[in-house]
PDB file of N, CA and C in Angstrom:
ATOM      1  N   UNK A   1      80.997 -14.247  37.614  1.00  0.00           N
ATOM      2  CA  UNK A   1      81.454 -13.059  36.949  1.00  0.00           C
ATOM      3  C   UNK A   1      81.011 -13.040  35.478  1.00  0.00           C
ATOM      4  N   UNK A   2      81.105 -14.207  34.868  1.00  0.00           N
ATOM      5  CA  UNK A   2      80.723 -14.286  33.463  1.00  0.00           C
ATOM      6  C   UNK A   2      79.238 -13.965  33.285  1.00  0.00           C
ATOM      7  N   UNK A   3      78.430 -14.416  34.218  1.00  0.00           N
ATOM      8  CA  UNK A   3      76.987 -14.160  34.173  1.00  0.00           C
ATOM      9  C   UNK A   3      76.720 -12.666  34.298  1.00  0.00           C
ATOM     10  N   UNK A   4      77.436 -12.018  35.186  1.00  0.00           N
ATOM     11  CA  UNK A   4      77.271 -10.574  35.374  1.00  0.00           C
ATOM     12  C   UNK A   4      77.673  -9.832  34.107  1.00  0.00           C
ATOM     13  N   UNK A   5      78.732 -10.249  33.478  1.00  0.00           N
ATOM     14  CA  UNK A   5      79.184  -9.623  32.235  1.00  0.00           C
ATOM     15  C   UNK A   5      78.151  -9.770  31.129  1.00  0.00           C
ATOM     16  N   UNK A   6      77.568 -10.962  31.023  1.00  0.00           N
ATOM     17  CA  UNK A   6      76.521 -11.176  30.025  1.00  0.00           C
ATOM     18  C   UNK A   6      75.289 -10.321  30.324  1.00  0.00           C
ATOM     19  N   UNK A   7      74.947 -10.229  31.588  1.00  0.00           N
ATOM     20  CA  UNK A   7      73.785  -9.417  31.980  1.00  0.00           C
ATOM     21  C   UNK A   7      74.014  -7.956  31.634  1.00  0.00           C
ATOM     22  N   UNK A   8      75.213  -7.459  31.921  1.00  0.00           N
ATOM     23  CA  UNK A   8      75.523  -6.062  31.591  1.00  0.00           C
ATOM     24  C   UNK A   8      75.530  -5.846  30.077  1.00  0.00           C
ATOM     25  N   UNK A   9      76.056  -6.815  29.335  1.00  0.00           N
ATOM     26  CA  UNK A   9      76.051  -6.706  27.869  1.00  0.00           C
ATOM     27  C   UNK A   9      74.615  -6.685  27.338  1.00  0.00           C
ATOM     28  N   UNK A  10      73.784  -7.556  27.875  1.00  0.00           N
ATOM     29  CA  UNK A  10      72.382  -7.595  27.458  1.00  0.00           C
ATOM     30  C   UNK A  10      71.681  -6.289  27.808  1.00  0.00           C
ATOM     31  N   UNK A  11      71.946  -5.776  28.998  1.00  0.00           N
ATOM     32  CA  UNK A  11      71.338  -4.503  29.417  1.00  0.00           C
ATOM     33  C   UNK A  11      71.783  -3.374  28.494  1.00  0.00           C
ATOM     34  N   UNK A  12      73.084  -3.351  28.157  1.00  0.00           N
ATOM     35  CA  UNK A  12      73.602  -2.322  27.252  1.00  0.00           C
ATOM     36  C   UNK A  12      72.935  -2.445  25.880  1.00  0.00           C
ATOM     37  N   UNK A  13      72.766  -3.669  25.408  1.00  0.00           N
ATOM     38  CA  UNK A  13      72.103  -3.902  24.127  1.00  0.00           C
ATOM     39  C   UNK A  13      70.657  -3.406  24.169  1.00  0.00           C
ATOM     40  N   UNK A  14      69.944  -3.775  25.219  1.00  0.00           N
ATOM     41  CA  UNK A  14      68.551  -3.340  25.360  1.00  0.00           C
ATOM     42  C   UNK A  14      68.463  -1.820  25.435  1.00  0.00           C
ATOM     43  N   UNK A  15      69.367  -1.227  26.182  1.00  0.00           N
ATOM     44  CA  UNK A  15      69.367   0.230  26.330  1.00  0.00           C
ATOM     45  C   UNK A  15      69.617   0.901  24.984  1.00  0.00           C
ATOM     46  N   UNK A  16      70.583   0.381  24.224  1.00  0.00           N
ATOM     47  CA  UNK A  16      70.866   0.983  22.917  1.00  0.00           C
ATOM     48  C   UNK A  16      69.682   0.790  21.967  1.00  0.00           C
ATOM     49  N   UNK A  17      69.048  -0.365  22.015  1.00  0.00           N
ATOM     50  CA  UNK A  17      67.878  -0.609  21.175  1.00  0.00           C
ATOM     51  C   UNK A  17      66.713   0.303  21.573  1.00  0.00           C
ATOM     52  N   UNK A  18      66.542   0.496  22.862  1.00  0.00           N
ATOM     53  CA  UNK A  18      65.492   1.401  23.347  1.00  0.00           C
ATOM     54  C   UNK A  18      65.774   2.824  22.888  1.00  0.00           C
ATOM     55  N   UNK A  19      67.047   3.215  22.920  1.00  0.00           N
ATOM     56  CA  UNK A  19      67.432   4.554  22.473  1.00  0.00           C
ATOM     57  C   UNK A  19      67.116   4.727  20.984  1.00  0.00           C
ATOM     58  N   UNK A  20      67.452   3.728  20.181  1.00  0.00           N
ATOM     59  CA  UNK A  20      67.156   3.779  18.745  1.00  0.00           C
ATOM     60  C   UNK A  20      65.645   3.865  18.531  1.00  0.00           C
ATOM     61  N   UNK A  21      64.907   3.055  19.253  1.00  0.00           N
ATOM     62  CA  UNK A  21      63.450   3.063  19.139  1.00  0.00           C
ATOM     63  C   UNK A  21      62.882   4.431  19.515  1.00  0.00           C
ATOM     64  N   UNK A  22      63.356   4.994  20.615  1.00  0.00           N
ATOM     65  CA  UNK A  22      62.858   6.298  21.063  1.00  0.00           C
ATOM     66  C   UNK A  22      63.195   7.384  20.044  1.00  0.00           C
ATOM     67  N   UNK A  23      64.388   7.345  19.487  1.00  0.00           N
ATOM     68  CA  UNK A  23      64.772   8.339  18.471  1.00  0.00           C
ATOM     69  C   UNK A  23      63.877   8.222  17.234  1.00  0.00           C
ATOM     70  N   UNK A  24      63.616   7.004  16.799  1.00  0.00           N
ATOM     71  CA  UNK A  24      62.744   6.797  15.643  1.00  0.00           C
ATOM     72  C   UNK A  24      61.321   7.268  15.938  1.00  0.00           C
ATOM     73  N   UNK A  25      60.869   6.995  17.151  1.00  0.00           N
ATOM     74  CA  UNK A  25      59.529   7.430  17.546  1.00  0.00           C
ATOM     75  C   UNK A  25      59.444   8.951  17.544  1.00  0.00           C
ATOM     76  N   UNK A  26      60.463   9.597  18.100  1.00  0.00           N
ATOM     77  CA  UNK A  26      60.483  11.066  18.121  1.00  0.00           C
ATOM     78  C   UNK A  26      60.526  11.611  16.704  1.00  0.00           C
ATOM     79  N   UNK A  27      61.344  11.007  15.847  1.00  0.00           N
ATOM     80  CA  UNK A  27      61.449  11.450  14.456  1.00  0.00           C
ATOM     81  C   UNK A  27      60.098  11.321  13.743  1.00  0.00           C
ATOM     82  N   UNK A  28      59.447  10.187  13.938  1.00  0.00           N
ATOM     83  CA  UNK A  28      58.140   9.949  13.313  1.00  0.00           C
ATOM     84  C   UNK A  28      57.097  10.936  13.835  1.00  0.00           C
ATOM     85  N   UNK A  29      57.070  11.132  15.143  1.00  0.00           N
ATOM     86  CA  UNK A  29      56.094  12.053  15.742  1.00  0.00           C
ATOM     87  C   UNK A  29      56.360  13.493  15.303  1.00  0.00           C
ATOM     88  N   UNK A  30      57.628  13.861  15.180  1.00  0.00           N
ATOM     89  CA  UNK A  30      57.971  15.206  14.723  1.00  0.00           C
ATOM     90  C   UNK A  30      57.484  15.416  13.293  1.00  0.00           C
ATOM     91  N   UNK A  31      57.682  14.418  12.448  1.00  0.00           N
ATOM     92  CA  UNK A  31      57.208  14.513  11.063  1.00  0.00           C
ATOM     93  C   UNK A  31      55.686  14.633  11.024  1.00  0.00           C
ATOM     94  N   UNK A  32      55.000  13.848  11.845  1.00  0.00           N
ATOM     95  CA  UNK A  32      53.538  13.929  11.899  1.00  0.00           C
ATOM     96  C   UNK A  32      53.091  15.295  12.396  1.00  0.00           C
ATOM     97  N   UNK A  33      53.792  15.812  13.382  1.00  0.00           N
ATOM     98  CA  UNK A  33      53.447  17.124  13.922  1.00  0.00           C
ATOM     99  C   UNK A  33      53.618  18.207  12.864  1.00  0.00           C
ATOM    100  N   UNK A  34      54.715  18.144  12.117  1.00  0.00           N
ATOM    101  CA  UNK A  34      54.940  19.135  11.061  1.00  0.00           C
ATOM    102  C   UNK A  34      53.852  19.052   9.995  1.00  0.00           C
ATOM    103  N   UNK A  35      53.474  17.826   9.640  1.00  0.00           N
ATOM    104  CA  UNK A  35      52.403  17.646   8.658  1.00  0.00           C
ATOM    105  C   UNK A  35      51.094  18.231   9.179  1.00  0.00           C
ATOM    106  N   UNK A  36      50.795  17.954  10.428  1.00  0.00           N
ATOM    107  CA  UNK A  36      49.565  18.483  11.023  1.00  0.00           C
ATOM    108  C   UNK A  36      49.611  20.005  11.109  1.00  0.00           C
ATOM    109  N   UNK A  37      50.763  20.572  11.435  1.00  0.00           N
ATOM    110  CA  UNK A  37      50.887  22.032  11.501  1.00  0.00           C
ATOM    111  C   UNK A  37      50.662  22.653  10.128  1.00  0.00           C
ATOM    112  N   UNK A  38      51.229  22.023   9.076  1.00  0.00           N
ATOM    113  CA  UNK A  38      51.014  22.543   7.719  1.00  0.00           C
ATOM    114  C   UNK A  38      49.534  22.491   7.351  1.00  0.00           C
ATOM    115  N   UNK A  39      48.886  21.378   7.672  1.00  0.00           N
ATOM    116  CA  UNK A  39      47.450  21.258   7.383  1.00  0.00           C
ATOM    117  C   UNK A  39      46.652  22.295   8.161  1.00  0.00           C
ATOM    118  N   UNK A  40      47.032  22.481   9.402  1.00  0.00           N
ATOM    119  CA  UNK A  40      46.342  23.449  10.253  1.00  0.00           C
ATOM    120  C   UNK A  40      46.511  24.859   9.689  1.00  0.00           C
ATOM    121  N   UNK A  41      47.734  25.217   9.319  1.00  0.00           N
ATOM    122  CA  UNK A  41      47.972  26.542   8.749  1.00  0.00           C
ATOM    123  C   UNK A  41      47.224  26.712   7.432  1.00  0.00           C
ATOM    124  N   UNK A  42      47.181  25.653   6.642  1.00  0.00           N
ATOM    125  CA  UNK A  42      46.453  25.710   5.380  1.00  0.00           C
ATOM    126  C   UNK A  42      44.962  25.928   5.631  1.00  0.00           C
ATOM    127  N   UNK A  43      44.429  25.214   6.606  1.00  0.00           N
ATOM    128  CA  UNK A  43      43.011  25.367   6.943  1.00  0.00           C
ATOM    129  C   UNK A  43      42.725  26.774   7.449  1.00  0.00           C
ATOM    130  N   UNK A  44      43.617  27.298   8.277  1.00  0.00           N
ATOM    131  CA  UNK A  44      43.443  28.659   8.794  1.00  0.00           C
ATOM    132  C   UNK A  44      43.469  29.654   7.641  1.00  0.00           C
ATOM    133  N   UNK A  45      44.419  29.485   6.716  1.00  0.00           N
ATOM    134  CA  UNK A  45      44.508  30.384   5.564  1.00  0.00           C
ATOM    135  C   UNK A  45      43.232  30.329   4.729  1.00  0.00           C
ATOM    136  N   UNK A  46      42.712  29.131   4.520  1.00  0.00           N
ATOM    137  CA  UNK A  46      41.476  28.986   3.749  1.00  0.00           C
ATOM    138  C   UNK A  46      40.312  29.676   4.444  1.00  0.00           C
ATOM    139  N   UNK A  47      40.224  29.523   5.749  1.00  0.00           N
ATOM    140  CA  UNK A  47      39.133  30.145   6.503  1.00  0.00           C
ATOM    141  C   UNK A  47      39.254  31.667   6.443  1.00  0.00           C
ATOM    142  N   UNK A  48      40.468  32.176   6.591  1.00  0.00           N
ATOM    143  CA  UNK A  48      40.675  33.627   6.529  1.00  0.00           C
ATOM    144  C   UNK A  48      40.309  34.147   5.143  1.00  0.00           C
ATOM    145  N   UNK A  49      40.741  33.428   4.111  1.00  0.00           N
ATOM    146  CA  UNK A  49      40.426  33.835   2.744  1.00  0.00           C
ATOM    147  C   UNK A  49      38.919  33.818   2.497  1.00  0.00           C
ATOM    148  N   UNK A  50      38.261  32.767   2.969  1.00  0.00           N
ATOM    149  CA  UNK A  50      36.807  32.676   2.804  1.00  0.00           C
ATOM    150  C   UNK A  50      36.107  33.799   3.567  1.00  0.00           C
ATOM    151  N   UNK A  51      36.592  34.104   4.763  1.00  0.00           N
ATOM    152  CA  UNK A  51      36.011  35.184   5.557  1.00  0.00           C
ATOM    153  C   UNK A  51      36.135  36.509   4.818  1.00  0.00           C
ATOM    154  N   UNK A  52      37.323  36.772   4.252  1.00  0.00           N
ATOM    155  CA  UNK A  52      37.522  38.019   3.516  1.00  0.00           C
ATOM    156  C   UNK A  52      36.615  38.084   2.295  1.00  0.00           C
ATOM    157  N   UNK A  53      36.481  36.966   1.598  1.00  0.00           N
ATOM    158  CA  UNK A  53      35.596  36.918   0.431  1.00  0.00           C
ATOM    159  C   UNK A  53      34.155  37.200   0.840  1.00  0.00           C
ATOM    160  N   UNK A  54      33.731  36.583   1.933  1.00  0.00           N
ATOM    161  CA  UNK A  54      32.362  36.803   2.406  1.00  0.00           C
ATOM    162  C   UNK A  54      32.154  38.243   2.856  1.00  0.00           C
ATOM    163  N   UNK A  55      33.175  38.826   3.487  1.00  0.00           N
ATOM    164  CA  UNK A  55      33.054  40.226   3.898  1.00  0.00           C
ATOM    165  C   UNK A  55      32.921  41.131   2.681  1.00  0.00           C
ATOM    166  N   UNK A  56      33.708  40.846   1.630  1.00  0.00           N
ATOM    167  CA  UNK A  56      33.617  41.643   0.408  1.00  0.00           C
ATOM    168  C   UNK A  56      32.233  41.504  -0.226  1.00  0.00           C
ATOM    169  N   UNK A  57      31.744  40.266  -0.275  1.00  0.00           N
ATOM    170  CA  UNK A  57      30.408  40.047  -0.835  1.00  0.00           C
ATOM    171  C   UNK A  57      29.347  40.752  -0.005  1.00  0.00           C
ATOM    172  N   UNK A  58      29.515  40.708   1.306  1.00  0.00           N
ATOM    173  CA  UNK A  58      28.558  41.360   2.194  1.00  0.00           C
ATOM    174  C   UNK A  58      28.560  42.869   1.965  1.00  0.00           C
ATOM    175  N   UNK A  59      29.746  43.456   1.844  1.00  0.00           N
ATOM    176  CA  UNK A  59      29.834  44.894   1.591  1.00  0.00           C
ATOM    177  C   UNK A  59      29.190  45.245   0.249  1.00  0.00           C
ATOM    178  N   UNK A  60      29.405  44.393  -0.753  1.00  0.00           N
ATOM    179  CA  UNK A  60      28.782  44.626  -2.057  1.00  0.00           C
ATOM    180  C   UNK A  60      27.262  44.538  -1.944  1.00  0.00           C
ATOM    181  N   UNK A  61      26.767  43.590  -1.156  1.00  0.00           N
ATOM    182  CA  UNK A  61      25.325  43.459  -0.952  1.00  0.00           C
ATOM    183  C   UNK A  61      24.766  44.688  -0.243  1.00  0.00           C
ATOM    184  N   UNK A  62      25.510  45.209   0.715  1.00  0.00           N
ATOM    185  CA  UNK A  62      25.063  46.417   1.421  1.00  0.00           C
ATOM    186  C   UNK A  62      24.953  47.577   0.440  1.00  0.00           C
ATOM    187  N   UNK A  63      25.951  47.727  -0.430  1.00  0.00           N
ATOM    188  CA  UNK A  63      25.903  48.800  -1.423  1.00  0.00           C
ATOM    189  C   UNK A  63      24.729  48.604  -2.381  1.00  0.00           C
ATOM    190  N   UNK A  64      24.531  47.372  -2.837  1.00  0.00           N
ATOM    191  CA  UNK A  64      23.396  47.094  -3.720  1.00  0.00           C
ATOM    192  C   UNK A  64      22.074  47.405  -3.023  1.00  0.00           C
ATOM    193  N   UNK A  65      21.975  47.012  -1.766  1.00  0.00           N
ATOM    194  CA  UNK A  65      20.764  47.276  -0.994  1.00  0.00           C
ATOM    195  C   UNK A  65      20.532  48.780  -0.874  1.00  0.00           C
ATOM    196  N   UNK A  66      21.595  49.521  -0.579  1.00  0.00           N
ATOM    197  CA  UNK A  66      21.457  50.978  -0.451  1.00  0.00           C
ATOM    198  C   UNK A  66      21.003  51.595  -1.766  1.00  0.00           C
ATOM    199  N   UNK A  67      21.594  51.150  -2.873  1.00  0.00           N
ATOM    200  CA  UNK A  67      21.194  51.673  -4.183  1.00  0.00           C
ATOM    201  C   UNK A  67      19.733  51.352  -4.480  1.00  0.00           C
ATOM    202  N   UNK A  68      19.340  50.110  -4.240  1.00  0.00           N
ATOM    203  CA  UNK A  68      17.951  49.730  -4.492  1.00  0.00           C
ATOM    204  C   UNK A  68      16.988  50.497  -3.596  1.00  0.00           C
ATOM    205  N   UNK A  69      17.359  50.668  -2.361  1.00  0.00           N
ATOM    206  CA  UNK A  69      16.489  51.401  -1.440  1.00  0.00           C
ATOM    207  C   UNK A  69      16.316  52.847  -1.910  1.00  0.00           C
ATOM    208  N   UNK A  70      17.425  53.459  -2.325  1.00  0.00           N
ATOM    209  CA  UNK A  70      17.365  54.832  -2.820  1.00  0.00           C
ATOM    210  C   UNK A  70      16.477  54.903  -4.061  1.00  0.00           C
ATOM    211  N   UNK A  71      16.627  53.949  -4.976  1.00  0.00           N
ATOM    212  CA  UNK A  71      15.815  53.940  -6.195  1.00  0.00           C
ATOM    213  C   UNK A  71      14.335  53.770  -5.871  1.00  0.00           C
ATOM    214  N   UNK A  72      14.016  52.860  -4.949  1.00  0.00           N
ATOM    215  CA  UNK A  72      12.615  52.656  -4.575  1.00  0.00           C
ATOM    216  C   UNK A  72      12.042  53.884  -3.876  1.00  0.00           C
ATOM    217  N   UNK A  73      12.847  54.558  -3.079  1.00  0.00           N
ATOM    218  CA  UNK A  73      12.373  55.792  -2.445  1.00  0.00           C
ATOM    219  C   UNK A  73      12.085  56.853  -3.494  1.00  0.00           C
ATOM    220  N   UNK A  74      12.980  56.963  -4.490  1.00  0.00           N
ATOM    221  CA  UNK A  74      12.760  57.930  -5.568  1.00  0.00           C
ATOM    222  C   UNK A  74      11.501  57.573  -6.356  1.00  0.00           C
ATOM    223  N   UNK A  75      11.346  56.289  -6.662  1.00  0.00           N
ATOM    224  CA  UNK A  75      10.148  55.863  -7.383  1.00  0.00           C
ATOM    225  C   UNK A  75       8.893  56.118  -6.554  1.00  0.00           C
ATOM    226  N   UNK A  76       8.986  55.891  -5.251  1.00  0.00           N
ATOM    227  CA  UNK A  76       7.849  56.159  -4.375  1.00  0.00           C
ATOM    228  C   UNK A  76       7.484  57.633  -4.387  1.00  0.00           C
ATOM    229  N   UNK A  77       8.483  58.504  -4.331  1.00  0.00           N
ATOM    230  CA  UNK A  77       8.221  59.947  -4.375  1.00  0.00           C
ATOM    231  C   UNK A  77       7.608  60.341  -5.717  1.00  0.00           C
ATOM    232  N   UNK A  78       8.179  59.801  -6.800  1.00  0.00           N
ATOM    233  CA  UNK A  78       7.635  60.110  -8.122  1.00  0.00           C
ATOM    234  C   UNK A  78       6.190  59.634  -8.243  1.00  0.00           C
ATOM    235  N   UNK A  79       5.906  58.468  -7.699  1.00  0.00           N
ATOM    236  CA  UNK A  79       4.550  57.931  -7.738  1.00  0.00           C
ATOM    237  C   UNK A  79       3.593  58.818  -6.945  1.00  0.00           C
ATOM    238  N   UNK A  80       4.023  59.248  -5.765  1.00  0.00           N
ATOM    239  CA  UNK A  80       3.172  60.128  -4.954  1.00  0.00           C
ATOM    240  C   UNK A  80       2.922  61.446  -5.675  1.00  0.00           C
ATOM    241  N   UNK A  81       3.980  61.998  -6.287  1.00  0.00           N
ATOM    242  CA  UNK A  81       3.814  63.255  -7.027  1.00  0.00           C
ATOM    243  C   UNK A  81       2.845  63.076  -8.194  1.00  0.00           C
ATOM    244  N   UNK A  82       2.974  61.984  -8.896  1.00  0.00           N
ATOM    245  CA  UNK A  82       2.100  61.727 -10.035  1.00  0.00           C
ATOM    246  C   UNK A  82       0.655  61.561  -9.575  1.00  0.00           C
ATOM    247  N   UNK A  83       0.466  60.849  -8.454  1.00  0.00           N
ATOM    248  CA  UNK A  83      -0.883  60.661  -7.925  1.00  0.00           C
ATOM    249  C   UNK A  83      -1.484  62.006  -7.517  1.00  0.00           C
ATOM    250  N   UNK A  84      -0.692  62.870  -6.899  1.00  0.00           N
ATOM    251  CA  UNK A  84      -1.194  64.186  -6.495  1.00  0.00           C
ATOM    252  C   UNK A  84      -1.591  65.015  -7.714  1.00  0.00           C
ATOM    253  N   UNK A  85      -0.790  64.937  -8.762  1.00  0.00           N
ATOM    254  CA  UNK A  85      -1.092  65.709  -9.961  1.00  0.00           C
ATOM    255  C   UNK A  85      -2.365  65.202 -10.647  1.00  0.00           C
ATOM    256  N   UNK A  86      -2.566  63.898 -10.574  1.00  0.00           N
ATOM    257  CA  UNK A  86      -3.748  63.337 -11.219  1.00  0.00           C
ATOM    258  C   UNK A  86      -5.017  63.621 -10.415  1.00  0.00           C
ATOM    259  N   UNK A  87      -4.900  63.801  -9.128  1.00  0.00           N
ATOM    260  CA  UNK A  87      -6.085  64.048  -8.290  1.00  0.00           C
ATOM    261  C   UNK A  87      -6.380  65.478  -8.223  1.00  0.00           C
TER     262      UNK A  87
END
């Protein structure tokens, strides 16, 4: 009987220690997960911000291109008119 009592006490001790270990493991993993989620959200925010910046720059480049194209077309017309007048 005494042996059985010791075995049950040891089992209870092991079980409680395993429970403490599992709780600590869950706590540690939860903290790591939260850290990773924050990093992930930060990375997503940076990518979105960079995308918006690039889109703005792209739109500005399109406007610059349109302006330059219009100016070159006007210069081309003026050049053709001048050539016709000289000939």
